[in-house]
């Protein structure tokens, strides 16, 4: 939703137009939700004194892990139905 808010600001568009929401009430409600969320995140980021603090805060606000967790290749392949056989 943060990316949608920034995109709509940059291109001066309504979020409901981007998503093609035709119903007037649903469009207003969606636009209001995106605006409210965007302003909240923006205000929280404005409280940060430097870029590092902003980076940490945006990760906290959006629930983005700061450090990606390593992928277990065997588990990933297992999800695809591929079994890994170790060499003899």
PDB file of N, CA and C in Angstrom:
ATOM      1  N   UNK A   1       0.827  -1.182   0.000  1.00  0.00           N
ATOM      2  CA  UNK A   1       0.000   0.000   0.000  1.00  0.00           C
ATOM      3  C   UNK A   1       0.879   1.257   0.000  1.00  0.00           C
ATOM      4  N   UNK A   2       2.044   1.169   0.660  1.00  0.00           N
ATOM      5  CA  UNK A   2       2.974   2.299   0.669  1.00  0.00           C
ATOM      6  C   UNK A   2       3.447   2.614  -0.752  1.00  0.00           C
ATOM      7  N   UNK A   3       3.759   1.571  -1.505  1.00  0.00           N
ATOM      8  CA  UNK A   3       4.203   1.778  -2.887  1.00  0.00           C
ATOM      9  C   UNK A   3       3.083   2.390  -3.727  1.00  0.00           C
ATOM     10  N   UNK A   4       1.856   1.943  -3.515  1.00  0.00           N
ATOM     11  CA  UNK A   4       0.714   2.507  -4.230  1.00  0.00           C
ATOM     12  C   UNK A   4       0.542   3.978  -3.882  1.00  0.00           C
ATOM     13  N   UNK A   5       0.665   4.305  -2.619  1.00  0.00           N
ATOM     14  CA  UNK A   5       0.560   5.702  -2.185  1.00  0.00           C
ATOM     15  C   UNK A   5       1.618   6.571  -2.875  1.00  0.00           C
ATOM     16  N   UNK A   6       2.860   6.099  -2.874  1.00  0.00           N
ATOM     17  CA  UNK A   6       3.941   6.865  -3.510  1.00  0.00           C
ATOM     18  C   UNK A   6       3.718   6.980  -5.018  1.00  0.00           C
ATOM     19  N   UNK A   7       3.291   5.899  -5.654  1.00  0.00           N
ATOM     20  CA  UNK A   7       3.038   5.909  -7.096  1.00  0.00           C
ATOM     21  C   UNK A   7       1.950   6.923  -7.446  1.00  0.00           C
ATOM     22  N   UNK A   8       0.864   6.909  -6.683  1.00  0.00           N
ATOM     23  CA  UNK A   8      -0.239   7.828  -6.957  1.00  0.00           C
ATOM     24  C   UNK A   8       0.165   9.276  -6.730  1.00  0.00           C
ATOM     25  N   UNK A   9       1.004   9.518  -5.740  1.00  0.00           N
ATOM     26  CA  UNK A   9       1.507  10.875  -5.531  1.00  0.00           C
ATOM     27  C   UNK A   9       2.371  11.315  -6.708  1.00  0.00           C
ATOM     28  N   UNK A  10       3.237  10.429  -7.154  1.00  0.00           N
ATOM     29  CA  UNK A  10       4.164  10.771  -8.231  1.00  0.00           C
ATOM     30  C   UNK A  10       3.431  11.079  -9.537  1.00  0.00           C
ATOM     31  N   UNK A  11       2.375  10.313  -9.826  1.00  0.00           N
ATOM     32  CA  UNK A  11       1.656  10.479 -11.087  1.00  0.00           C
ATOM     33  C   UNK A  11       0.346  11.241 -10.939  1.00  0.00           C
ATOM     34  N   UNK A  12       0.097  11.741  -9.726  1.00  0.00           N
ATOM     35  CA  UNK A  12      -1.108  12.514  -9.456  1.00  0.00           C
ATOM     36  C   UNK A  12      -2.371  11.769  -9.901  1.00  0.00           C
ATOM     37  N   UNK A  13      -2.482  10.527  -9.423  1.00  0.00           N
ATOM     38  CA  UNK A  13      -3.629   9.687  -9.733  1.00  0.00           C
ATOM     39  C   UNK A  13      -4.280   9.201  -8.455  1.00  0.00           C
ATOM     40  N   UNK A  14      -5.536   8.827  -8.565  1.00  0.00           N
ATOM     41  CA  UNK A  14      -6.225   8.216  -7.438  1.00  0.00           C
ATOM     42  C   UNK A  14      -5.957   6.721  -7.430  1.00  0.00           C
ATOM     43  N   UNK A  15      -5.773   6.138  -6.247  1.00  0.00           N
ATOM     44  CA  UNK A  15      -5.562   4.695  -6.178  1.00  0.00           C
ATOM     45  C   UNK A  15      -6.693   3.895  -6.831  1.00  0.00           C
ATOM     46  N   UNK A  16      -7.923   4.378  -6.686  1.00  0.00           N
ATOM     47  CA  UNK A  16      -9.059   3.673  -7.286  1.00  0.00           C
ATOM     48  C   UNK A  16      -8.976   3.675  -8.810  1.00  0.00           C
ATOM     49  N   UNK A  17      -8.401   4.714  -9.387  1.00  0.00           N
ATOM     50  CA  UNK A  17      -8.219   4.743 -10.848  1.00  0.00           C
ATOM     51  C   UNK A  17      -7.158   3.741 -11.275  1.00  0.00           C
ATOM     52  N   UNK A  18      -6.097   3.627 -10.488  1.00  0.00           N
ATOM     53  CA  UNK A  18      -5.029   2.678 -10.802  1.00  0.00           C
ATOM     54  C   UNK A  18      -5.585   1.250 -10.810  1.00  0.00           C
ATOM     55  N   UNK A  19      -6.483   0.955  -9.852  1.00  0.00           N
ATOM     56  CA  UNK A  19      -7.053  -0.384  -9.741  1.00  0.00           C
ATOM     57  C   UNK A  19      -8.355  -0.553 -10.513  1.00  0.00           C
ATOM     58  N   UNK A  20      -8.840   0.512 -11.130  1.00  0.00           N
ATOM     59  CA  UNK A  20     -10.060   0.418 -11.942  1.00  0.00           C
ATOM     60  C   UNK A  20     -11.318   0.181 -11.124  1.00  0.00           C
ATOM     61  N   UNK A  21     -11.408   0.789  -9.949  1.00  0.00           N
ATOM     62  CA  UNK A  21     -12.596   0.635  -9.103  1.00  0.00           C
ATOM     63  C   UNK A  21     -13.640   1.639  -9.564  1.00  0.00           C
ATOM     64  N   UNK A  22     -14.763   1.134 -10.057  1.00  0.00           N
ATOM     65  CA  UNK A  22     -15.804   1.999 -10.633  1.00  0.00           C
ATOM     66  C   UNK A  22     -16.866   2.437  -9.626  1.00  0.00           C
ATOM     67  N   UNK A  23     -17.149   1.611  -8.651  1.00  0.00           N
ATOM     68  CA  UNK A  23     -18.168   1.944  -7.659  1.00  0.00           C
ATOM     69  C   UNK A  23     -17.701   3.157  -6.852  1.00  0.00           C
ATOM     70  N   UNK A  24     -18.519   4.206  -6.814  1.00  0.00           N
ATOM     71  CA  UNK A  24     -18.115   5.469  -6.195  1.00  0.00           C
ATOM     72  C   UNK A  24     -17.779   5.314  -4.711  1.00  0.00           C
ATOM     73  N   UNK A  25     -18.605   4.583  -3.975  1.00  0.00           N
ATOM     74  CA  UNK A  25     -18.354   4.427  -2.544  1.00  0.00           C
ATOM     75  C   UNK A  25     -17.102   3.593  -2.289  1.00  0.00           C
ATOM     76  N   UNK A  26     -16.966   2.497  -3.019  1.00  0.00           N
ATOM     77  CA  UNK A  26     -15.790   1.646  -2.856  1.00  0.00           C
ATOM     78  C   UNK A  26     -14.522   2.410  -3.230  1.00  0.00           C
ATOM     79  N   UNK A  27     -14.608   3.222  -4.293  1.00  0.00           N
ATOM     80  CA  UNK A  27     -13.450   4.014  -4.731  1.00  0.00           C
ATOM     81  C   UNK A  27     -13.054   5.014  -3.650  1.00  0.00           C
ATOM     82  N   UNK A  28     -14.042   5.711  -3.086  1.00  0.00           N
ATOM     83  CA  UNK A  28     -13.744   6.683  -2.047  1.00  0.00           C
ATOM     84  C   UNK A  28     -13.121   6.002  -0.842  1.00  0.00           C
ATOM     85  N   UNK A  29     -13.703   4.875  -0.437  1.00  0.00           N
ATOM     86  CA  UNK A  29     -13.205   4.140   0.717  1.00  0.00           C
ATOM     87  C   UNK A  29     -11.771   3.658   0.490  1.00  0.00           C
ATOM     88  N   UNK A  30     -11.495   3.129  -0.688  1.00  0.00           N
ATOM     89  CA  UNK A  30     -10.151   2.646  -1.026  1.00  0.00           C
ATOM     90  C   UNK A  30      -9.159   3.808  -1.054  1.00  0.00           C
ATOM     91  N   UNK A  31      -9.543   4.912  -1.695  1.00  0.00           N
ATOM     92  CA  UNK A  31      -8.671   6.090  -1.751  1.00  0.00           C
ATOM     93  C   UNK A  31      -8.361   6.601  -0.346  1.00  0.00           C
ATOM     94  N   UNK A  32      -9.362   6.619   0.505  1.00  0.00           N
ATOM     95  CA  UNK A  32      -9.183   7.098   1.873  1.00  0.00           C
ATOM     96  C   UNK A  32      -8.245   6.182   2.658  1.00  0.00           C
ATOM     97  N   UNK A  33      -8.395   4.882   2.480  1.00  0.00           N
ATOM     98  CA  UNK A  33      -7.526   3.925   3.179  1.00  0.00           C
ATOM     99  C   UNK A  33      -6.068   4.091   2.757  1.00  0.00           C
ATOM    100  N   UNK A  34      -5.837   4.227   1.458  1.00  0.00           N
ATOM    101  CA  UNK A  34      -4.472   4.398   0.952  1.00  0.00           C
ATOM    102  C   UNK A  34      -3.887   5.721   1.456  1.00  0.00           C
ATOM    103  N   UNK A  35      -4.679   6.780   1.421  1.00  0.00           N
ATOM    104  CA  UNK A  35      -4.215   8.081   1.895  1.00  0.00           C
ATOM    105  C   UNK A  35      -3.885   8.044   3.387  1.00  0.00           C
ATOM    106  N   UNK A  36      -4.756   7.459   4.181  1.00  0.00           N
ATOM    107  CA  UNK A  36      -4.544   7.387   5.631  1.00  0.00           C
ATOM    108  C   UNK A  36      -3.273   6.604   5.948  1.00  0.00           C
ATOM    109  N   UNK A  37      -3.122   5.456   5.307  1.00  0.00           N
ATOM    110  CA  UNK A  37      -1.930   4.644   5.541  1.00  0.00           C
ATOM    111  C   UNK A  37      -0.677   5.390   5.076  1.00  0.00           C
ATOM    112  N   UNK A  38      -0.734   5.980   3.897  1.00  0.00           N
ATOM    113  CA  UNK A  38       0.413   6.700   3.348  1.00  0.00           C
ATOM    114  C   UNK A  38       0.841   7.866   4.221  1.00  0.00           C
ATOM    115  N   UNK A  39      -0.125   8.609   4.720  1.00  0.00           N
ATOM    116  CA  UNK A  39       0.205   9.740   5.593  1.00  0.00           C
ATOM    117  C   UNK A  39       0.794   9.262   6.917  1.00  0.00           C
ATOM    118  N   UNK A  40       0.254   8.160   7.447  1.00  0.00           N
ATOM    119  CA  UNK A  40       0.788   7.620   8.693  1.00  0.00           C
ATOM    120  C   UNK A  40       2.256   7.230   8.521  1.00  0.00           C
ATOM    121  N   UNK A  41       2.548   6.465   7.469  1.00  0.00           N
ATOM    122  CA  UNK A  41       3.931   6.038   7.232  1.00  0.00           C
ATOM    123  C   UNK A  41       4.815   7.255   6.977  1.00  0.00           C
ATOM    124  N   UNK A  42       4.352   8.182   6.153  1.00  0.00           N
ATOM    125  CA  UNK A  42       5.129   9.387   5.865  1.00  0.00           C
ATOM    126  C   UNK A  42       5.440  10.192   7.110  1.00  0.00           C
ATOM    127  N   UNK A  43       4.450  10.357   7.978  1.00  0.00           N
ATOM    128  CA  UNK A  43       4.667  11.106   9.224  1.00  0.00           C
ATOM    129  C   UNK A  43       5.658  10.394  10.135  1.00  0.00           C
ATOM    130  N   UNK A  44       5.561   9.070  10.199  1.00  0.00           N
ATOM    131  CA  UNK A  44       6.517   8.307  11.011  1.00  0.00           C
ATOM    132  C   UNK A  44       7.935   8.452  10.458  1.00  0.00           C
ATOM    133  N   UNK A  45       8.073   8.440   9.150  1.00  0.00           N
ATOM    134  CA  UNK A  45       9.403   8.579   8.547  1.00  0.00           C
ATOM    135  C   UNK A  45       9.958   9.987   8.747  1.00  0.00           C
ATOM    136  N   UNK A  46       9.069  10.985   8.754  1.00  0.00           N
ATOM    137  CA  UNK A  46       9.520  12.369   8.978  1.00  0.00           C
ATOM    138  C   UNK A  46      10.115  12.563  10.365  1.00  0.00           C
ATOM    139  N   UNK A  47       9.772  11.706  11.306  1.00  0.00           N
ATOM    140  CA  UNK A  47      10.317  11.803  12.660  1.00  0.00           C
ATOM    141  C   UNK A  47      11.765  11.326  12.741  1.00  0.00           C
ATOM    142  N   UNK A  48      12.214  10.610  11.728  1.00  0.00           N
ATOM    143  CA  UNK A  48      13.571  10.048  11.738  1.00  0.00           C
ATOM    144  C   UNK A  48      14.578  11.122  11.369  1.00  0.00           C
ATOM    145  N   UNK A  49      15.706  11.092  12.065  1.00  0.00           N
ATOM    146  CA  UNK A  49      16.706  12.132  11.870  1.00  0.00           C
ATOM    147  C   UNK A  49      17.650  11.869  10.700  1.00  0.00           C
ATOM    148  N   UNK A  50      17.914  10.605  10.375  1.00  0.00           N
ATOM    149  CA  UNK A  50      18.839  10.314   9.278  1.00  0.00           C
ATOM    150  C   UNK A  50      18.326   9.148   8.439  1.00  0.00           C
ATOM    151  N   UNK A  51      18.991   8.888   7.325  1.00  0.00           N
ATOM    152  CA  UNK A  51      18.544   7.864   6.385  1.00  0.00           C
ATOM    153  C   UNK A  51      18.565   6.467   6.995  1.00  0.00           C
ATOM    154  N   UNK A  52      19.563   6.168   7.827  1.00  0.00           N
ATOM    155  CA  UNK A  52      19.618   4.852   8.465  1.00  0.00           C
ATOM    156  C   UNK A  52      18.407   4.630   9.366  1.00  0.00           C
ATOM    157  N   UNK A  53      18.036   5.666  10.100  1.00  0.00           N
ATOM    158  CA  UNK A  53      16.861   5.560  10.972  1.00  0.00           C
ATOM    159  C   UNK A  53      15.595   5.396  10.131  1.00  0.00           C
ATOM    160  N   UNK A  54      15.529   6.104   9.003  1.00  0.00           N
ATOM    161  CA  UNK A  54      14.367   5.964   8.104  1.00  0.00           C
ATOM    162  C   UNK A  54      14.287   4.551   7.549  1.00  0.00           C
ATOM    163  N   UNK A  55      15.426   4.004   7.160  1.00  0.00           N
ATOM    164  CA  UNK A  55      15.455   2.635   6.618  1.00  0.00           C
ATOM    165  C   UNK A  55      14.985   1.624   7.662  1.00  0.00           C
ATOM    166  N   UNK A  56      15.455   1.784   8.892  1.00  0.00           N
ATOM    167  CA  UNK A  56      15.029   0.871   9.963  1.00  0.00           C
ATOM    168  C   UNK A  56      13.538   1.020  10.232  1.00  0.00           C
ATOM    169  N   UNK A  57      13.059   2.259  10.265  1.00  0.00           N
ATOM    170  CA  UNK A  57      11.649   2.525  10.588  1.00  0.00           C
ATOM    171  C   UNK A  57      10.721   1.985   9.503  1.00  0.00           C
ATOM    172  N   UNK A  58      11.079   2.159   8.237  1.00  0.00           N
ATOM    173  CA  UNK A  58      10.211   1.665   7.164  1.00  0.00           C
ATOM    174  C   UNK A  58      10.111   0.155   7.223  1.00  0.00           C
ATOM    175  N   UNK A  59      11.209  -0.504   7.550  1.00  0.00           N
ATOM    176  CA  UNK A  59      11.175  -1.961   7.697  1.00  0.00           C
ATOM    177  C   UNK A  59      10.247  -2.356   8.850  1.00  0.00           C
ATOM    178  N   UNK A  60      10.316  -1.630   9.953  1.00  0.00           N
ATOM    179  CA  UNK A  60       9.456  -1.928  11.095  1.00  0.00           C
ATOM    180  C   UNK A  60       7.985  -1.676  10.764  1.00  0.00           C
ATOM    181  N   UNK A  61       7.705  -0.543  10.124  1.00  0.00           N
ATOM    182  CA  UNK A  61       6.316  -0.189   9.811  1.00  0.00           C
ATOM    183  C   UNK A  61       5.678  -1.163   8.827  1.00  0.00           C
ATOM    184  N   UNK A  62       6.447  -1.589   7.835  1.00  0.00           N
ATOM    185  CA  UNK A  62       5.887  -2.443   6.785  1.00  0.00           C
ATOM    186  C   UNK A  62       6.100  -3.922   7.044  1.00  0.00           C
ATOM    187  N   UNK A  63       6.794  -4.245   8.138  1.00  0.00           N
ATOM    188  CA  UNK A  63       7.006  -5.648   8.469  1.00  0.00           C
ATOM    189  C   UNK A  63       7.965  -6.358   7.525  1.00  0.00           C
ATOM    190  N   UNK A  64       8.896  -5.607   6.966  1.00  0.00           N
ATOM    191  CA  UNK A  64       9.885  -6.175   6.051  1.00  0.00           C
ATOM    192  C   UNK A  64      11.092  -6.605   6.870  1.00  0.00           C
ATOM    193  N   UNK A  65      11.523  -7.860   6.736  1.00  0.00           N
ATOM    194  CA  UNK A  65      12.710  -8.271   7.485  1.00  0.00           C
ATOM    195  C   UNK A  65      13.924  -7.468   7.043  1.00  0.00           C
ATOM    196  N   UNK A  66      14.744  -7.074   7.991  1.00  0.00           N
ATOM    197  CA  UNK A  66      15.931  -6.285   7.668  1.00  0.00           C
ATOM    198  C   UNK A  66      17.007  -7.126   7.013  1.00  0.00           C
ATOM    199  N   UNK A  67      17.093  -8.362   7.443  1.00  0.00           N
ATOM    200  CA  UNK A  67      18.112  -9.236   6.890  1.00  0.00           C
ATOM    201  C   UNK A  67      17.396 -10.475   6.350  1.00  0.00           C
ATOM    202  N   UNK A  68      17.501 -10.729   5.056  1.00  0.00           N
ATOM    203  CA  UNK A  68      16.796 -11.881   4.510  1.00  0.00           C
ATOM    204  C   UNK A  68      17.267 -13.175   5.161  1.00  0.00           C
ATOM    205  N   UNK A  69      16.308 -14.063   5.393  1.00  0.00           N
ATOM    206  CA  UNK A  69      16.641 -15.361   5.956  1.00  0.00           C
ATOM    207  C   UNK A  69      17.177 -16.250   4.848  1.00  0.00           C
ATOM    208  N   UNK A  70      18.176 -17.074   5.144  1.00  0.00           N
ATOM    209  CA  UNK A  70      18.713 -17.959   4.108  1.00  0.00           C
ATOM    210  C   UNK A  70      17.670 -18.986   3.682  1.00  0.00           C
ATOM    211  N   UNK A  71      17.710 -19.329   2.420  1.00  0.00           N
ATOM    212  CA  UNK A  71      16.779 -20.304   1.865  1.00  0.00           C
ATOM    213  C   UNK A  71      17.393 -21.688   1.960  1.00  0.00           C
ATOM    214  N   UNK A  72      16.634 -22.612   2.484  1.00  0.00           N
ATOM    215  CA  UNK A  72      17.065 -23.997   2.537  1.00  0.00           C
ATOM    216  C   UNK A  72      16.719 -24.620   1.187  1.00  0.00           C
ATOM    217  N   UNK A  73      17.716 -24.891   0.378  1.00  0.00           N
ATOM    218  CA  UNK A  73      17.493 -25.374  -0.984  1.00  0.00           C
ATOM    219  C   UNK A  73      16.758 -26.709  -0.996  1.00  0.00           C
ATOM    220  N   UNK A  74      17.033 -27.565  -0.028  1.00  0.00           N
ATOM    221  CA  UNK A  74      16.344 -28.856   0.015  1.00  0.00           C
ATOM    222  C   UNK A  74      14.851 -28.674   0.286  1.00  0.00           C
ATOM    223  N   UNK A  75      14.526 -27.764   1.198  1.00  0.00           N
ATOM    224  CA  UNK A  75      13.119 -27.496   1.484  1.00  0.00           C
ATOM    225  C   UNK A  75      12.434 -26.887   0.270  1.00  0.00           C
ATOM    226  N   UNK A  76      13.118 -25.969  -0.408  1.00  0.00           N
ATOM    227  CA  UNK A  76      12.554 -25.333  -1.590  1.00  0.00           C
ATOM    228  C   UNK A  76      12.307 -26.352  -2.697  1.00  0.00           C
ATOM    229  N   UNK A  77      13.260 -27.221  -2.923  1.00  0.00           N
ATOM    230  CA  UNK A  77      13.104 -28.245  -3.950  1.00  0.00           C
ATOM    231  C   UNK A  77      12.032 -29.251  -3.547  1.00  0.00           C
ATOM    232  N   UNK A  78      11.935 -29.535  -2.244  1.00  0.00           N
ATOM    233  CA  UNK A  78      10.904 -30.444  -1.755  1.00  0.00           C
ATOM    234  C   UNK A  78       9.506 -29.912  -2.030  1.00  0.00           C
ATOM    235  N   UNK A  79       9.331 -28.585  -1.951  1.00  0.00           N
ATOM    236  CA  UNK A  79       8.036 -27.977  -2.253  1.00  0.00           C
ATOM    237  C   UNK A  79       7.663 -28.176  -3.716  1.00  0.00           C
ATOM    238  N   UNK A  80       8.658 -28.322  -4.556  1.00  0.00           N
ATOM    239  CA  UNK A  80       8.417 -28.537  -5.982  1.00  0.00           C
ATOM    240  C   UNK A  80       8.318 -30.026  -6.317  1.00  0.00           C
ATOM    241  N   UNK A  81       8.436 -30.879  -5.310  1.00  0.00           N
ATOM    242  CA  UNK A  81       8.329 -32.303  -5.527  1.00  0.00           C
ATOM    243  C   UNK A  81       9.632 -32.941  -6.023  1.00  0.00           C
ATOM    244  N   UNK A  82      10.727 -32.223  -5.848  1.00  0.00           N
ATOM    245  CA  UNK A  82      12.018 -32.718  -6.286  1.00  0.00           C
ATOM    246  C   UNK A  82      12.758 -33.266  -5.077  1.00  0.00           C
ATOM    247  N   UNK A  83      13.200 -34.481  -5.155  1.00  0.00           N
ATOM    248  CA  UNK A  83      13.991 -35.041  -4.061  1.00  0.00           C
ATOM    249  C   UNK A  83      15.462 -34.952  -4.410  1.00  0.00           C
ATOM    250  N   UNK A  84      16.240 -34.641  -3.418  1.00  0.00           N
ATOM    251  CA  UNK A  84      17.675 -34.478  -3.607  1.00  0.00           C
ATOM    252  C   UNK A  84      18.360 -35.744  -3.106  1.00  0.00           C
ATOM    253  N   UNK A  85      19.122 -36.371  -3.975  1.00  0.00           N
ATOM    254  CA  UNK A  85      19.876 -37.556  -3.575  1.00  0.00           C
ATOM    255  C   UNK A  85      21.332 -37.163  -3.457  1.00  0.00           C
ATOM    256  N   UNK A  86      21.890 -37.487  -2.332  1.00  0.00           N
ATOM    257  CA  UNK A  86      23.318 -37.196  -2.097  1.00  0.00           C
ATOM    258  C   UNK A  86      24.174 -38.198  -2.832  1.00  0.00           C
ATOM    259  N   UNK A  87      25.337 -37.760  -3.246  1.00  0.00           N
ATOM    260  CA  UNK A  87      26.274 -38.660  -3.940  1.00  0.00           C
ATOM    261  C   UNK A  87      26.698 -39.824  -3.059  1.00  0.00           C
ATOM    262  N   UNK A  88      27.054 -40.957  -3.702  1.00  0.00           N
ATOM    263  CA  UNK A  88      27.420 -42.127  -2.910  1.00  0.00           C
ATOM    264  C   UNK A  88      28.862 -42.089  -2.502  1.00  0.00           C
TER     265      UNK A  88
END
